ModelCIF file with pLDDT and N, C-alpha, C, O atoms, coordinates in Angstrom:
data_MODEL
#
_entry.id   MODEL 
#
_entity.id                         1 
_entity.type                       polymer 
_entity.pdbx_number_of_molecules   1 
#
_entity_poly.entity_id                      1 
_entity_poly.type                           'polypeptide(L)' 
_entity_poly.nstd_linkage                   no 
_entity_poly.nstd_monomer                   no 
_entity_poly.pdbx_seq_one_letter_code       AIAGLPLAALRLPEALIAHLHRMGFDRIAD 
_entity_poly.pdbx_seq_one_letter_code_can   AIAGLPLAALRLPEALIAHLHRMGFDRIAD 
_entity_poly.pdbx_strand_id                 A 
#
loop_
_entity_poly_seq.entity_id 
_entity_poly_seq.num 
_entity_poly_seq.mon_id 
_entity_poly_seq.hetero 
1 1  ALA n 
1 2  ILE n 
1 3  ALA n 
1 4  GLY n 
1 5  LEU n 
1 6  PRO n 
1 7  LEU n 
1 8  ALA n 
1 9  ALA n 
1 10 LEU n 
1 11 ARG n 
1 12 LEU n 
1 13 PRO n 
1 14 GLU n 
1 15 ALA n 
1 16 LEU n 
1 17 ILE n 
1 18 ALA n 
1 19 HIS n 
1 20 LEU n 
1 21 HIS n 
1 22 ARG n 
1 23 MET n 
1 24 GLY n 
1 25 PHE n 
1 26 ASP n 
1 27 ARG n 
1 28 ILE n 
1 29 ALA n 
1 30 ASP n 
#
_struct_asym.id          A 
_struct_asym.entity_id   1 
#
loop_
_ma_qa_metric.id 
_ma_qa_metric.mode 
_ma_qa_metric.name 
_ma_qa_metric.software_group_id 
_ma_qa_metric.type 
1 global pLDDT . pLDDT 
2 local  pLDDT . pLDDT 
#
_ma_qa_metric_global.metric_id      1 
_ma_qa_metric_global.metric_value   93.23 
_ma_qa_metric_global.model_id       1 
_ma_qa_metric_global.ordinal_id     1 
#
loop_
_ma_qa_metric_local.label_asym_id 
_ma_qa_metric_local.label_comp_id 
_ma_qa_metric_local.label_seq_id 
_ma_qa_metric_local.metric_id 
_ma_qa_metric_local.metric_value 
_ma_qa_metric_local.model_id 
_ma_qa_metric_local.ordinal_id 
A ALA 1  2 92.00 1 1  
A ILE 2  2 93.00 1 2  
A ALA 3  2 93.00 1 3  
A GLY 4  2 92.00 1 4  
A LEU 5  2 94.00 1 5  
A PRO 6  2 95.00 1 6  
A LEU 7  2 95.00 1 7  
A ALA 8  2 93.00 1 8  
A ALA 9  2 94.00 1 9  
A LEU 10 2 93.00 1 10 
A ARG 11 2 91.00 1 11 
A LEU 12 2 91.00 1 12 
A PRO 13 2 92.00 1 13 
A GLU 14 2 90.00 1 14 
A ALA 15 2 94.00 1 15 
A LEU 16 2 94.00 1 16 
A ILE 17 2 93.00 1 17 
A ALA 18 2 94.00 1 18 
A HIS 19 2 94.00 1 19 
A LEU 20 2 94.00 1 20 
A HIS 21 2 94.00 1 21 
A ARG 22 2 94.00 1 22 
A MET 23 2 92.00 1 23 
A GLY 24 2 93.00 1 24 
A PHE 25 2 94.00 1 25 
A ASP 26 2 94.00 1 26 
A ARG 27 2 94.00 1 27 
A ILE 28 2 95.00 1 28 
A ALA 29 2 93.00 1 29 
A ASP 30 2 93.00 1 30 
#
loop_
_atom_site.group_PDB 
_atom_site.id 
_atom_site.type_symbol 
_atom_site.label_atom_id 
_atom_site.label_alt_id 
_atom_site.label_comp_id 
_atom_site.label_asym_id 
_atom_site.label_entity_id 
_atom_site.label_seq_id 
_atom_site.pdbx_PDB_ins_code 
_atom_site.Cartn_x 
_atom_site.Cartn_y 
_atom_site.Cartn_z 
_atom_site.occupancy 
_atom_site.B_iso_or_equiv 
_atom_site.pdbx_formal_charge 
_atom_site.auth_seq_id 
_atom_site.auth_comp_id 
_atom_site.auth_asym_id 
_atom_site.auth_atom_id 
_atom_site.pdbx_PDB_model_num 
ATOM 1   N N  . ALA A 1 1  ? -108.643 -76.862 -67.175 1.00 92.00 ? 1  ALA A N  1 
ATOM 2   C CA . ALA A 1 1  ? -110.056 -76.536 -66.540 1.00 92.00 ? 1  ALA A CA 1 
ATOM 3   C C  . ALA A 1 1  ? -109.989 -74.969 -66.007 1.00 92.00 ? 1  ALA A C  1 
ATOM 4   O O  . ALA A 1 1  ? -111.111 -74.468 -65.924 1.00 92.00 ? 1  ALA A O  1 
ATOM 5   N N  . ILE A 1 2  ? -108.973 -74.155 -65.654 1.00 93.00 ? 2  ILE A N  1 
ATOM 6   C CA . ILE A 1 2  ? -108.916 -72.871 -65.040 1.00 93.00 ? 2  ILE A CA 1 
ATOM 7   C C  . ILE A 1 2  ? -108.242 -71.858 -65.956 1.00 93.00 ? 2  ILE A C  1 
ATOM 8   O O  . ILE A 1 2  ? -108.201 -70.658 -65.685 1.00 93.00 ? 2  ILE A O  1 
ATOM 9   N N  . ALA A 1 3  ? -107.811 -72.302 -66.854 1.00 93.00 ? 3  ALA A N  1 
ATOM 10  C CA . ALA A 1 3  ? -106.823 -70.935 -67.824 1.00 93.00 ? 3  ALA A CA 1 
ATOM 11  C C  . ALA A 1 3  ? -107.946 -70.208 -68.506 1.00 93.00 ? 3  ALA A C  1 
ATOM 12  O O  . ALA A 1 3  ? -107.529 -69.050 -68.540 1.00 93.00 ? 3  ALA A O  1 
ATOM 13  N N  . GLY A 1 4  ? -108.916 -70.221 -68.967 1.00 92.00 ? 4  GLY A N  1 
ATOM 14  C CA . GLY A 1 4  ? -109.671 -69.492 -69.301 1.00 92.00 ? 4  GLY A CA 1 
ATOM 15  C C  . GLY A 1 4  ? -110.499 -68.679 -68.659 1.00 92.00 ? 4  GLY A C  1 
ATOM 16  O O  . GLY A 1 4  ? -111.106 -67.806 -69.279 1.00 92.00 ? 4  GLY A O  1 
ATOM 17  N N  . LEU A 1 5  ? -110.663 -68.878 -67.105 1.00 94.00 ? 5  LEU A N  1 
ATOM 18  C CA . LEU A 1 5  ? -111.594 -68.075 -66.227 1.00 94.00 ? 5  LEU A CA 1 
ATOM 19  C C  . LEU A 1 5  ? -110.841 -66.798 -65.951 1.00 94.00 ? 5  LEU A C  1 
ATOM 20  O O  . LEU A 1 5  ? -109.615 -66.688 -65.988 1.00 94.00 ? 5  LEU A O  1 
ATOM 21  N N  . PRO A 1 6  ? -111.750 -65.799 -65.656 1.00 95.00 ? 6  PRO A N  1 
ATOM 22  C CA . PRO A 1 6  ? -111.375 -64.311 -65.200 1.00 95.00 ? 6  PRO A CA 1 
ATOM 23  C C  . PRO A 1 6  ? -110.537 -64.489 -63.902 1.00 95.00 ? 6  PRO A C  1 
ATOM 24  O O  . PRO A 1 6  ? -110.609 -65.500 -63.204 1.00 95.00 ? 6  PRO A O  1 
ATOM 25  N N  . LEU A 1 7  ? -109.621 -63.270 -63.599 1.00 95.00 ? 7  LEU A N  1 
ATOM 26  C CA . LEU A 1 7  ? -108.435 -63.593 -62.538 1.00 95.00 ? 7  LEU A CA 1 
ATOM 27  C C  . LEU A 1 7  ? -109.803 -63.821 -61.242 1.00 95.00 ? 7  LEU A C  1 
ATOM 28  O O  . LEU A 1 7  ? -109.779 -64.716 -60.396 1.00 95.00 ? 7  LEU A O  1 
ATOM 29  N N  . ALA A 1 8  ? -110.675 -62.998 -61.351 1.00 93.00 ? 8  ALA A N  1 
ATOM 30  C CA . ALA A 1 8  ? -111.502 -63.034 -59.932 1.00 93.00 ? 8  ALA A CA 1 
ATOM 31  C C  . ALA A 1 8  ? -111.740 -64.614 -59.628 1.00 93.00 ? 8  ALA A C  1 
ATOM 32  O O  . ALA A 1 8  ? -112.182 -64.705 -58.483 1.00 93.00 ? 8  ALA A O  1 
ATOM 33  N N  . ALA A 1 9  ? -111.636 -65.622 -60.109 1.00 94.00 ? 9  ALA A N  1 
ATOM 34  C CA . ALA A 1 9  ? -111.563 -67.061 -59.985 1.00 94.00 ? 9  ALA A CA 1 
ATOM 35  C C  . ALA A 1 9  ? -110.448 -67.372 -58.925 1.00 94.00 ? 9  ALA A C  1 
ATOM 36  O O  . ALA A 1 9  ? -110.583 -68.212 -58.035 1.00 94.00 ? 9  ALA A O  1 
ATOM 37  N N  . LEU A 1 10 ? -109.385 -66.635 -59.113 1.00 93.00 ? 10 LEU A N  1 
ATOM 38  C CA . LEU A 1 10 ? -108.273 -66.864 -58.205 1.00 93.00 ? 10 LEU A CA 1 
ATOM 39  C C  . LEU A 1 10 ? -108.464 -66.486 -56.709 1.00 93.00 ? 10 LEU A C  1 
ATOM 40  O O  . LEU A 1 10 ? -107.664 -66.933 -55.887 1.00 93.00 ? 10 LEU A O  1 
ATOM 41  N N  . ARG A 1 11 ? -109.432 -65.727 -56.341 1.00 91.00 ? 11 ARG A N  1 
ATOM 42  C CA . ARG A 1 11 ? -110.065 -65.331 -55.098 1.00 91.00 ? 11 ARG A CA 1 
ATOM 43  C C  . ARG A 1 11 ? -109.017 -64.335 -54.194 1.00 91.00 ? 11 ARG A C  1 
ATOM 44  O O  . ARG A 1 11 ? -108.788 -64.264 -52.987 1.00 91.00 ? 11 ARG A O  1 
ATOM 45  N N  . LEU A 1 12 ? -108.412 -63.481 -55.574 1.00 91.00 ? 12 LEU A N  1 
ATOM 46  C CA . LEU A 1 12 ? -107.617 -62.380 -55.160 1.00 91.00 ? 12 LEU A CA 1 
ATOM 47  C C  . LEU A 1 12 ? -108.107 -61.066 -54.515 1.00 91.00 ? 12 LEU A C  1 
ATOM 48  O O  . LEU A 1 12 ? -109.203 -60.631 -54.866 1.00 91.00 ? 12 LEU A O  1 
ATOM 49  N N  . PRO A 1 13 ? -107.503 -60.520 -53.758 1.00 92.00 ? 13 PRO A N  1 
ATOM 50  C CA . PRO A 1 13 ? -108.049 -58.913 -53.295 1.00 92.00 ? 13 PRO A CA 1 
ATOM 51  C C  . PRO A 1 13 ? -108.580 -58.299 -54.850 1.00 92.00 ? 13 PRO A C  1 
ATOM 52  O O  . PRO A 1 13 ? -108.079 -58.478 -55.960 1.00 92.00 ? 13 PRO A O  1 
ATOM 53  N N  . GLU A 1 14 ? -109.710 -57.566 -54.470 1.00 90.00 ? 14 GLU A N  1 
ATOM 54  C CA . GLU A 1 14 ? -110.075 -56.692 -55.845 1.00 90.00 ? 14 GLU A CA 1 
ATOM 55  C C  . GLU A 1 14 ? -109.124 -55.619 -55.989 1.00 90.00 ? 14 GLU A C  1 
ATOM 56  O O  . GLU A 1 14 ? -109.163 -55.166 -57.133 1.00 90.00 ? 14 GLU A O  1 
ATOM 57  N N  . ALA A 1 15 ? -108.260 -55.033 -55.222 1.00 94.00 ? 15 ALA A N  1 
ATOM 58  C CA . ALA A 1 15 ? -107.399 -53.876 -55.685 1.00 94.00 ? 15 ALA A CA 1 
ATOM 59  C C  . ALA A 1 15 ? -106.201 -54.873 -56.214 1.00 94.00 ? 15 ALA A C  1 
ATOM 60  O O  . ALA A 1 15 ? -105.385 -54.364 -56.983 1.00 94.00 ? 15 ALA A O  1 
ATOM 61  N N  . LEU A 1 16 ? -106.073 -55.956 -55.935 1.00 94.00 ? 16 LEU A N  1 
ATOM 62  C CA . LEU A 1 16 ? -104.766 -56.802 -57.062 1.00 94.00 ? 16 LEU A CA 1 
ATOM 63  C C  . LEU A 1 16 ? -105.470 -56.866 -58.582 1.00 94.00 ? 16 LEU A C  1 
ATOM 64  O O  . LEU A 1 16 ? -104.973 -56.514 -59.652 1.00 94.00 ? 16 LEU A O  1 
ATOM 65  N N  . ILE A 1 17 ? -106.722 -57.403 -58.332 1.00 93.00 ? 17 ILE A N  1 
ATOM 66  C CA . ILE A 1 17 ? -107.225 -57.651 -59.778 1.00 93.00 ? 17 ILE A CA 1 
ATOM 67  C C  . ILE A 1 17 ? -107.213 -56.481 -60.610 1.00 93.00 ? 17 ILE A C  1 
ATOM 68  O O  . ILE A 1 17 ? -106.783 -56.452 -61.763 1.00 93.00 ? 17 ILE A O  1 
ATOM 69  N N  . ALA A 1 18 ? -107.806 -55.321 -59.844 1.00 94.00 ? 18 ALA A N  1 
ATOM 70  C CA . ALA A 1 18 ? -107.746 -54.492 -60.759 1.00 94.00 ? 18 ALA A CA 1 
ATOM 71  C C  . ALA A 1 18 ? -106.234 -54.064 -61.487 1.00 94.00 ? 18 ALA A C  1 
ATOM 72  O O  . ALA A 1 18 ? -105.990 -53.876 -62.678 1.00 94.00 ? 18 ALA A O  1 
ATOM 73  N N  . HIS A 1 19 ? -105.364 -53.992 -60.341 1.00 94.00 ? 19 HIS A N  1 
ATOM 74  C CA . HIS A 1 19 ? -104.024 -53.904 -61.058 1.00 94.00 ? 19 HIS A CA 1 
ATOM 75  C C  . HIS A 1 19 ? -103.700 -54.532 -61.990 1.00 94.00 ? 19 HIS A C  1 
ATOM 76  O O  . HIS A 1 19 ? -103.224 -53.933 -62.954 1.00 94.00 ? 19 HIS A O  1 
ATOM 77  N N  . LEU A 1 20 ? -103.825 -55.705 -62.013 1.00 94.00 ? 20 LEU A N  1 
ATOM 78  C CA . LEU A 1 20 ? -103.674 -56.737 -63.114 1.00 94.00 ? 20 LEU A CA 1 
ATOM 79  C C  . LEU A 1 20 ? -104.057 -56.505 -64.418 1.00 94.00 ? 20 LEU A C  1 
ATOM 80  O O  . LEU A 1 20 ? -103.361 -56.613 -65.427 1.00 94.00 ? 20 LEU A O  1 
ATOM 81  N N  . HIS A 1 21 ? -105.423 -56.118 -64.310 1.00 94.00 ? 21 HIS A N  1 
ATOM 82  C CA . HIS A 1 21 ? -106.285 -55.846 -65.200 1.00 94.00 ? 21 HIS A CA 1 
ATOM 83  C C  . HIS A 1 21 ? -105.649 -54.365 -66.085 1.00 94.00 ? 21 HIS A C  1 
ATOM 84  O O  . HIS A 1 21 ? -105.893 -54.232 -67.285 1.00 94.00 ? 21 HIS A O  1 
ATOM 85  N N  . ARG A 1 22 ? -105.010 -53.556 -65.483 1.00 94.00 ? 22 ARG A N  1 
ATOM 86  C CA . ARG A 1 22 ? -104.498 -52.258 -65.728 1.00 94.00 ? 22 ARG A CA 1 
ATOM 87  C C  . ARG A 1 22 ? -103.293 -52.260 -66.676 1.00 94.00 ? 22 ARG A C  1 
ATOM 88  O O  . ARG A 1 22 ? -102.913 -51.463 -67.534 1.00 94.00 ? 22 ARG A O  1 
ATOM 89  N N  . MET A 1 23 ? -102.573 -54.053 -65.984 1.00 92.00 ? 23 MET A N  1 
ATOM 90  C CA . MET A 1 23 ? -101.228 -54.144 -66.707 1.00 92.00 ? 23 MET A CA 1 
ATOM 91  C C  . MET A 1 23 ? -101.620 -55.176 -67.856 1.00 92.00 ? 23 MET A C  1 
ATOM 92  O O  . MET A 1 23 ? -100.845 -55.888 -68.495 1.00 92.00 ? 23 MET A O  1 
ATOM 93  N N  . GLY A 1 24 ? -103.090 -55.084 -67.977 1.00 93.00 ? 24 GLY A N  1 
ATOM 94  C CA . GLY A 1 24 ? -103.378 -56.033 -69.582 1.00 93.00 ? 24 GLY A CA 1 
ATOM 95  C C  . GLY A 1 24 ? -103.539 -57.559 -69.447 1.00 93.00 ? 24 GLY A C  1 
ATOM 96  O O  . GLY A 1 24 ? -103.694 -58.314 -70.407 1.00 93.00 ? 24 GLY A O  1 
ATOM 97  N N  . PHE A 1 25 ? -103.473 -58.018 -67.861 1.00 94.00 ? 25 PHE A N  1 
ATOM 98  C CA . PHE A 1 25 ? -103.926 -59.529 -67.761 1.00 94.00 ? 25 PHE A CA 1 
ATOM 99  C C  . PHE A 1 25 ? -105.337 -59.445 -67.444 1.00 94.00 ? 25 PHE A C  1 
ATOM 100 O O  . PHE A 1 25 ? -105.814 -58.445 -66.906 1.00 94.00 ? 25 PHE A O  1 
ATOM 101 N N  . ASP A 1 26 ? -106.132 -60.636 -67.813 1.00 94.00 ? 26 ASP A N  1 
ATOM 102 C CA . ASP A 1 26 ? -107.811 -60.628 -67.752 1.00 94.00 ? 26 ASP A CA 1 
ATOM 103 C C  . ASP A 1 26 ? -108.151 -61.911 -67.195 1.00 94.00 ? 26 ASP A C  1 
ATOM 104 O O  . ASP A 1 26 ? -109.098 -62.180 -66.456 1.00 94.00 ? 26 ASP A O  1 
ATOM 105 N N  . ARG A 1 27 ? -107.009 -62.873 -67.771 1.00 94.00 ? 27 ARG A N  1 
ATOM 106 C CA . ARG A 1 27 ? -107.433 -64.464 -67.640 1.00 94.00 ? 27 ARG A CA 1 
ATOM 107 C C  . ARG A 1 27 ? -106.495 -65.172 -66.825 1.00 94.00 ? 27 ARG A C  1 
ATOM 108 O O  . ARG A 1 27 ? -105.364 -64.697 -66.719 1.00 94.00 ? 27 ARG A O  1 
ATOM 109 N N  . ILE A 1 28 ? -106.820 -66.356 -66.165 1.00 95.00 ? 28 ILE A N  1 
ATOM 110 C CA . ILE A 1 28 ? -105.825 -66.896 -65.487 1.00 95.00 ? 28 ILE A CA 1 
ATOM 111 C C  . ILE A 1 28 ? -104.794 -67.377 -66.015 1.00 95.00 ? 28 ILE A C  1 
ATOM 112 O O  . ILE A 1 28 ? -103.774 -67.581 -65.356 1.00 95.00 ? 28 ILE A O  1 
ATOM 113 N N  . ALA A 1 29 ? -104.907 -67.671 -67.466 1.00 93.00 ? 29 ALA A N  1 
ATOM 114 C CA . ALA A 1 29 ? -103.789 -68.098 -68.489 1.00 93.00 ? 29 ALA A CA 1 
ATOM 115 C C  . ALA A 1 29 ? -102.673 -66.959 -68.697 1.00 93.00 ? 29 ALA A C  1 
ATOM 116 O O  . ALA A 1 29 ? -101.528 -67.245 -69.045 1.00 93.00 ? 29 ALA A O  1 
ATOM 117 N N  . ASP A 1 30 ? -103.041 -65.834 -68.492 1.00 93.00 ? 30 ASP A N  1 
ATOM 118 C CA . ASP A 1 30 ? -102.333 -64.565 -68.899 1.00 93.00 ? 30 ASP A CA 1 
ATOM 119 C C  . ASP A 1 30 ? -101.154 -64.475 -67.644 1.00 93.00 ? 30 ASP A C  1 
ATOM 120 O O  . ASP A 1 30 ? -100.349 -63.544 -67.619 1.00 93.00 ? 30 ASP A O  1 
#
């Protein structure tokens, strides 16, 4: 149900989400 959703769906801090994006992670499945 959630694998294809963006990382923001995990309710993580914005700074952590930005860091994960820089590492190439965009979706929960990643």
